[in-house]
Amino acid sequence: MFKWMEGLQSVEPISGTPGEVGAKSNLLFKMGSREIEMIETITSKNLPDEFSVTYETDGVFNVVNNYFRASGENQTAWTTKNEFQFTSLMMKIMEFFMPGMFKKQSLKFLKNFKKFAEKES
């Protein structure tokens, strides 16, 4: 399981070969007292250079493109681009009044992944 994704309770494959382009999985998160389900779809896998996914949940479509390049001995530079598209009025209102909320959560996952990767290597 994705140990760096705080609150992740389960990952269940829906279709395709897990870990490969086109694979879809249902992710269940617990954030405080709320449970959030989202669908992850792998859109590109060109390792070790790139890995991209989308996440869909109620009112939000998130595109995440990750790029990797060697930056020294045993070091990797990681660039990630996130695009959030809001499909419900409620999420558009939340984004308007709390613009940093999604950026903050994305940054939290990035920092957790960095800690995980450095610890595991």
N, C-alpha and C. Protein backbone atom coordinates (compact mmCIF):
# COMPACT_ATOMS: atom_id res chain seq x y z
N MET A 1 0.85 -1.17 0.00
CA MET A 1 0.00 0.00 0.00
C MET A 1 0.89 1.24 0.00
N PHE A 2 0.33 2.37 -0.32
CA PHE A 2 1.06 3.63 -0.40
C PHE A 2 1.26 4.19 1.00
N LYS A 3 2.35 3.80 1.65
CA LYS A 3 2.59 4.14 3.05
C LYS A 3 2.67 5.64 3.30
N TRP A 4 3.01 6.41 2.30
CA TRP A 4 3.19 7.85 2.47
C TRP A 4 1.87 8.62 2.40
N MET A 5 0.80 7.99 1.96
CA MET A 5 -0.48 8.68 1.81
C MET A 5 -1.25 8.60 3.12
N GLU A 6 -1.08 9.62 3.94
CA GLU A 6 -1.73 9.66 5.24
C GLU A 6 -3.24 9.54 5.09
N GLY A 7 -3.83 8.67 5.90
CA GLY A 7 -5.27 8.49 5.89
C GLY A 7 -5.76 7.43 4.92
N LEU A 8 -4.87 6.89 4.08
CA LEU A 8 -5.29 5.88 3.12
C LEU A 8 -5.64 4.59 3.86
N GLN A 9 -6.87 4.13 3.66
CA GLN A 9 -7.36 2.94 4.33
C GLN A 9 -7.29 1.69 3.46
N SER A 10 -7.56 1.87 2.16
CA SER A 10 -7.54 0.70 1.27
C SER A 10 -7.38 1.12 -0.18
N VAL A 11 -6.86 0.17 -0.96
CA VAL A 11 -6.72 0.32 -2.41
C VAL A 11 -7.30 -0.94 -3.02
N GLU A 12 -8.31 -0.78 -3.87
CA GLU A 12 -8.93 -1.94 -4.51
C GLU A 12 -8.89 -1.76 -6.02
N PRO A 13 -8.23 -2.68 -6.73
CA PRO A 13 -8.22 -2.60 -8.20
C PRO A 13 -9.64 -2.68 -8.76
N ILE A 14 -9.90 -1.86 -9.78
CA ILE A 14 -11.20 -1.87 -10.44
C ILE A 14 -11.08 -2.51 -11.82
N SER A 15 -10.07 -2.07 -12.57
CA SER A 15 -9.88 -2.61 -13.92
C SER A 15 -8.43 -2.44 -14.35
N GLY A 16 -8.05 -3.19 -15.37
CA GLY A 16 -6.69 -3.12 -15.88
C GLY A 16 -5.71 -3.87 -15.00
N THR A 17 -4.45 -3.85 -15.41
CA THR A 17 -3.39 -4.50 -14.66
C THR A 17 -2.85 -3.49 -13.64
N PRO A 18 -2.95 -3.78 -12.34
CA PRO A 18 -2.47 -2.82 -11.34
C PRO A 18 -1.04 -2.38 -11.62
N GLY A 19 -0.83 -1.05 -11.52
CA GLY A 19 0.49 -0.48 -11.74
C GLY A 19 0.81 -0.15 -13.18
N GLU A 20 -0.10 -0.51 -14.11
CA GLU A 20 0.15 -0.27 -15.53
C GLU A 20 -0.80 0.79 -16.08
N VAL A 21 -0.42 1.38 -17.20
CA VAL A 21 -1.23 2.42 -17.83
C VAL A 21 -2.65 1.90 -18.08
N GLY A 22 -3.62 2.72 -17.71
CA GLY A 22 -5.03 2.36 -17.87
C GLY A 22 -5.64 1.72 -16.65
N ALA A 23 -4.81 1.26 -15.71
CA ALA A 23 -5.34 0.62 -14.50
C ALA A 23 -6.11 1.63 -13.67
N LYS A 24 -7.24 1.18 -13.14
CA LYS A 24 -8.07 2.01 -12.26
C LYS A 24 -8.17 1.30 -10.91
N SER A 25 -8.09 2.11 -9.85
CA SER A 25 -8.22 1.59 -8.50
C SER A 25 -9.10 2.51 -7.68
N ASN A 26 -9.83 1.93 -6.74
CA ASN A 26 -10.63 2.70 -5.80
C ASN A 26 -9.78 2.90 -4.54
N LEU A 27 -9.57 4.17 -4.15
CA LEU A 27 -8.81 4.51 -2.96
C LEU A 27 -9.78 5.04 -1.91
N LEU A 28 -9.66 4.54 -0.70
CA LEU A 28 -10.51 4.99 0.41
C LEU A 28 -9.61 5.67 1.44
N PHE A 29 -9.91 6.94 1.74
CA PHE A 29 -9.18 7.71 2.72
C PHE A 29 -10.07 8.03 3.90
N LYS A 30 -9.46 8.10 5.07
CA LYS A 30 -10.16 8.59 6.25
C LYS A 30 -9.42 9.85 6.67
N MET A 31 -10.14 10.98 6.63
CA MET A 31 -9.58 12.27 7.01
C MET A 31 -10.44 12.85 8.12
N GLY A 32 -9.94 12.73 9.33
CA GLY A 32 -10.76 13.11 10.49
C GLY A 32 -11.90 12.13 10.60
N SER A 33 -13.11 12.65 10.66
CA SER A 33 -14.29 11.78 10.77
C SER A 33 -14.89 11.47 9.39
N ARG A 34 -14.29 12.04 8.34
CA ARG A 34 -14.83 11.87 6.98
C ARG A 34 -14.12 10.74 6.25
N GLU A 35 -14.88 10.03 5.44
CA GLU A 35 -14.29 9.05 4.52
C GLU A 35 -14.43 9.59 3.12
N ILE A 36 -13.36 9.51 2.35
CA ILE A 36 -13.36 10.02 0.98
C ILE A 36 -12.92 8.89 0.06
N GLU A 37 -13.74 8.62 -0.95
CA GLU A 37 -13.38 7.63 -1.97
C GLU A 37 -12.97 8.36 -3.22
N MET A 38 -11.95 7.85 -3.88
CA MET A 38 -11.56 8.42 -5.17
C MET A 38 -11.08 7.31 -6.09
N ILE A 39 -11.19 7.59 -7.37
CA ILE A 39 -10.72 6.66 -8.40
C ILE A 39 -9.38 7.17 -8.93
N GLU A 40 -8.38 6.33 -8.85
CA GLU A 40 -7.07 6.62 -9.41
C GLU A 40 -6.95 5.89 -10.75
N THR A 41 -6.50 6.62 -11.77
CA THR A 41 -6.25 6.03 -13.09
C THR A 41 -4.82 6.35 -13.48
N ILE A 42 -4.05 5.33 -13.83
CA ILE A 42 -2.68 5.56 -14.30
C ILE A 42 -2.75 5.97 -15.77
N THR A 43 -2.22 7.16 -16.07
CA THR A 43 -2.32 7.69 -17.43
C THR A 43 -1.01 7.61 -18.20
N SER A 44 0.11 7.51 -17.51
CA SER A 44 1.40 7.41 -18.18
C SER A 44 2.39 6.74 -17.24
N LYS A 45 3.18 5.83 -17.78
CA LYS A 45 4.21 5.16 -17.00
C LYS A 45 5.42 4.98 -17.90
N ASN A 46 6.35 5.86 -17.76
CA ASN A 46 7.58 5.82 -18.54
C ASN A 46 8.75 5.91 -17.56
N LEU A 47 8.81 4.92 -16.66
CA LEU A 47 9.83 4.92 -15.62
C LEU A 47 11.20 4.61 -16.22
N PRO A 48 12.24 5.21 -15.74
CA PRO A 48 12.31 5.99 -14.51
C PRO A 48 12.08 7.50 -14.71
N ASP A 49 11.58 7.90 -15.87
CA ASP A 49 11.47 9.33 -16.19
C ASP A 49 10.15 9.99 -15.82
N GLU A 50 9.05 9.25 -15.93
CA GLU A 50 7.75 9.89 -15.73
C GLU A 50 6.72 8.88 -15.24
N PHE A 51 5.79 9.39 -14.42
CA PHE A 51 4.65 8.60 -13.95
C PHE A 51 3.52 9.57 -13.71
N SER A 52 2.37 9.34 -14.34
CA SER A 52 1.25 10.27 -14.22
C SER A 52 -0.04 9.53 -13.92
N VAL A 53 -0.91 10.21 -13.16
CA VAL A 53 -2.19 9.63 -12.75
C VAL A 53 -3.26 10.71 -12.71
N THR A 54 -4.50 10.27 -12.66
CA THR A 54 -5.60 11.17 -12.35
C THR A 54 -6.32 10.61 -11.13
N TYR A 55 -6.93 11.53 -10.39
CA TYR A 55 -7.76 11.17 -9.24
C TYR A 55 -9.11 11.85 -9.41
N GLU A 56 -10.17 11.07 -9.26
CA GLU A 56 -11.53 11.60 -9.39
C GLU A 56 -12.31 11.30 -8.11
N THR A 57 -12.95 12.34 -7.59
CA THR A 57 -13.84 12.19 -6.45
C THR A 57 -14.97 13.18 -6.63
N ASP A 58 -15.92 13.18 -5.73
CA ASP A 58 -17.08 14.07 -5.86
C ASP A 58 -16.65 15.51 -6.04
N GLY A 59 -16.90 16.06 -7.20
CA GLY A 59 -16.65 17.47 -7.46
C GLY A 59 -15.24 17.86 -7.83
N VAL A 60 -14.30 16.88 -7.86
CA VAL A 60 -12.90 17.21 -8.14
C VAL A 60 -12.29 16.20 -9.10
N PHE A 61 -11.57 16.72 -10.09
CA PHE A 61 -10.76 15.91 -11.01
C PHE A 61 -9.35 16.46 -10.90
N ASN A 62 -8.38 15.61 -10.51
CA ASN A 62 -7.01 16.03 -10.26
C ASN A 62 -6.07 15.28 -11.20
N VAL A 63 -5.27 16.04 -11.97
CA VAL A 63 -4.26 15.47 -12.86
C VAL A 63 -2.90 15.67 -12.20
N VAL A 64 -2.14 14.58 -12.05
CA VAL A 64 -0.83 14.65 -11.41
C VAL A 64 0.21 14.07 -12.36
N ASN A 65 1.15 14.91 -12.79
CA ASN A 65 2.25 14.48 -13.65
C ASN A 65 3.55 14.55 -12.85
N ASN A 66 4.25 13.43 -12.75
CA ASN A 66 5.51 13.35 -12.01
C ASN A 66 6.65 13.11 -12.98
N TYR A 67 7.71 13.89 -12.83
CA TYR A 67 8.89 13.76 -13.69
C TYR A 67 10.12 13.56 -12.80
N PHE A 68 10.99 12.65 -13.21
CA PHE A 68 12.18 12.32 -12.42
C PHE A 68 13.42 12.42 -13.30
N ARG A 69 14.51 12.93 -12.71
CA ARG A 69 15.78 12.94 -13.42
C ARG A 69 16.90 12.80 -12.40
N ALA A 70 17.97 12.13 -12.82
CA ALA A 70 19.13 11.98 -11.95
C ALA A 70 19.73 13.36 -11.70
N SER A 71 20.10 13.61 -10.45
CA SER A 71 20.68 14.92 -10.13
C SER A 71 21.96 14.77 -9.32
N GLY A 72 22.57 13.64 -9.41
CA GLY A 72 23.80 13.35 -8.68
C GLY A 72 23.80 11.89 -8.30
N GLU A 73 24.88 11.49 -7.68
CA GLU A 73 25.00 10.09 -7.28
C GLU A 73 23.94 9.76 -6.22
N ASN A 74 23.13 8.78 -6.50
CA ASN A 74 22.07 8.35 -5.60
C ASN A 74 21.08 9.46 -5.26
N GLN A 75 20.88 10.39 -6.19
CA GLN A 75 19.93 11.47 -5.98
C GLN A 75 19.04 11.61 -7.19
N THR A 76 17.80 11.98 -6.93
CA THR A 76 16.82 12.17 -8.00
C THR A 76 16.09 13.50 -7.77
N ALA A 77 15.99 14.28 -8.83
CA ALA A 77 15.17 15.49 -8.79
C ALA A 77 13.77 15.10 -9.23
N TRP A 78 12.80 15.51 -8.46
CA TRP A 78 11.41 15.14 -8.72
C TRP A 78 10.61 16.42 -8.94
N THR A 79 9.97 16.50 -10.10
CA THR A 79 9.09 17.63 -10.42
C THR A 79 7.69 17.08 -10.57
N THR A 80 6.76 17.71 -9.90
CA THR A 80 5.37 17.28 -10.02
C THR A 80 4.51 18.46 -10.41
N LYS A 81 3.57 18.19 -11.30
CA LYS A 81 2.62 19.22 -11.73
C LYS A 81 1.22 18.70 -11.42
N ASN A 82 0.48 19.50 -10.68
CA ASN A 82 -0.88 19.14 -10.27
C ASN A 82 -1.87 20.13 -10.87
N GLU A 83 -2.93 19.60 -11.42
CA GLU A 83 -4.00 20.45 -11.93
C GLU A 83 -5.31 19.97 -11.32
N PHE A 84 -6.01 20.89 -10.68
CA PHE A 84 -7.30 20.56 -10.09
C PHE A 84 -8.39 21.18 -10.94
N GLN A 85 -9.39 20.37 -11.28
CA GLN A 85 -10.56 20.85 -12.01
C GLN A 85 -11.76 20.57 -11.10
N PHE A 86 -12.53 21.62 -10.81
CA PHE A 86 -13.66 21.48 -9.91
C PHE A 86 -14.94 21.38 -10.73
N THR A 87 -15.70 20.33 -10.45
CA THR A 87 -16.88 20.05 -11.26
C THR A 87 -18.19 20.29 -10.52
N SER A 88 -18.09 20.61 -9.24
CA SER A 88 -19.33 20.90 -8.50
C SER A 88 -19.25 22.32 -7.94
N LEU A 89 -20.40 22.93 -7.76
CA LEU A 89 -20.47 24.28 -7.22
C LEU A 89 -19.85 24.33 -5.83
N MET A 90 -20.11 23.33 -5.01
CA MET A 90 -19.57 23.32 -3.65
C MET A 90 -18.05 23.34 -3.66
N MET A 91 -17.43 22.53 -4.52
CA MET A 91 -15.97 22.50 -4.58
C MET A 91 -15.41 23.79 -5.16
N LYS A 92 -16.10 24.40 -6.10
CA LYS A 92 -15.67 25.69 -6.65
C LYS A 92 -15.70 26.77 -5.57
N ILE A 93 -16.73 26.72 -4.71
CA ILE A 93 -16.82 27.68 -3.61
C ILE A 93 -15.69 27.45 -2.61
N MET A 94 -15.43 26.18 -2.27
CA MET A 94 -14.34 25.86 -1.34
C MET A 94 -13.00 26.35 -1.89
N GLU A 95 -12.78 26.15 -3.18
CA GLU A 95 -11.53 26.58 -3.79
C GLU A 95 -11.40 28.10 -3.75
N PHE A 96 -12.50 28.78 -3.95
CA PHE A 96 -12.49 30.24 -3.93
C PHE A 96 -12.14 30.77 -2.53
N PHE A 97 -12.78 30.20 -1.50
CA PHE A 97 -12.58 30.69 -0.14
C PHE A 97 -11.36 30.08 0.55
N MET A 98 -10.90 28.94 0.07
CA MET A 98 -9.75 28.26 0.68
C MET A 98 -8.77 27.83 -0.41
N PRO A 99 -8.19 28.78 -1.14
CA PRO A 99 -7.37 28.43 -2.31
C PRO A 99 -6.14 27.59 -1.99
N GLY A 100 -5.61 27.68 -0.79
CA GLY A 100 -4.41 26.94 -0.45
C GLY A 100 -4.66 25.53 0.04
N MET A 101 -5.92 25.17 0.26
CA MET A 101 -6.25 23.87 0.84
C MET A 101 -5.72 22.70 0.00
N PHE A 102 -5.96 22.73 -1.30
CA PHE A 102 -5.54 21.62 -2.15
C PHE A 102 -4.03 21.59 -2.31
N LYS A 103 -3.41 22.76 -2.41
CA LYS A 103 -1.96 22.84 -2.51
C LYS A 103 -1.32 22.29 -1.23
N LYS A 104 -1.88 22.65 -0.09
CA LYS A 104 -1.36 22.19 1.20
C LYS A 104 -1.42 20.67 1.31
N GLN A 105 -2.54 20.07 0.91
CA GLN A 105 -2.67 18.61 0.97
C GLN A 105 -1.72 17.93 0.01
N SER A 106 -1.56 18.48 -1.20
CA SER A 106 -0.63 17.91 -2.18
C SER A 106 0.80 17.97 -1.65
N LEU A 107 1.18 19.10 -1.07
CA LEU A 107 2.52 19.26 -0.52
C LEU A 107 2.77 18.27 0.62
N LYS A 108 1.75 18.03 1.42
CA LYS A 108 1.87 17.07 2.52
C LYS A 108 2.17 15.67 1.98
N PHE A 109 1.45 15.24 0.93
CA PHE A 109 1.73 13.94 0.31
C PHE A 109 3.14 13.89 -0.27
N LEU A 110 3.58 14.98 -0.89
CA LEU A 110 4.93 15.02 -1.47
C LEU A 110 6.00 14.88 -0.39
N LYS A 111 5.86 15.60 0.69
CA LYS A 111 6.84 15.51 1.77
C LYS A 111 6.83 14.12 2.40
N ASN A 112 5.65 13.55 2.57
CA ASN A 112 5.57 12.19 3.12
C ASN A 112 6.22 11.18 2.20
N PHE A 113 6.04 11.35 0.87
CA PHE A 113 6.67 10.43 -0.07
C PHE A 113 8.20 10.58 -0.02
N LYS A 114 8.69 11.80 0.08
CA LYS A 114 10.14 12.03 0.17
C LYS A 114 10.71 11.30 1.38
N LYS A 115 10.06 11.45 2.54
CA LYS A 115 10.51 10.75 3.75
C LYS A 115 10.50 9.24 3.55
N PHE A 116 9.42 8.74 2.95
CA PHE A 116 9.29 7.30 2.69
C PHE A 116 10.41 6.81 1.78
N ALA A 117 10.63 7.52 0.65
CA ALA A 117 11.64 7.09 -0.33
C ALA A 117 13.04 7.12 0.27
N GLU A 118 13.34 8.14 1.03
CA GLU A 118 14.68 8.24 1.62
C GLU A 118 14.90 7.20 2.71
N LYS A 119 13.86 6.86 3.42
CA LYS A 119 13.95 5.85 4.48
C LYS A 119 14.10 4.44 3.89
N GLU A 120 13.39 4.17 2.80
CA GLU A 120 13.37 2.84 2.20
C GLU A 120 14.62 2.55 1.38
N SER A 121 15.36 3.58 0.94
CA SER A 121 16.52 3.32 0.07
C SER A 121 17.77 3.02 0.85
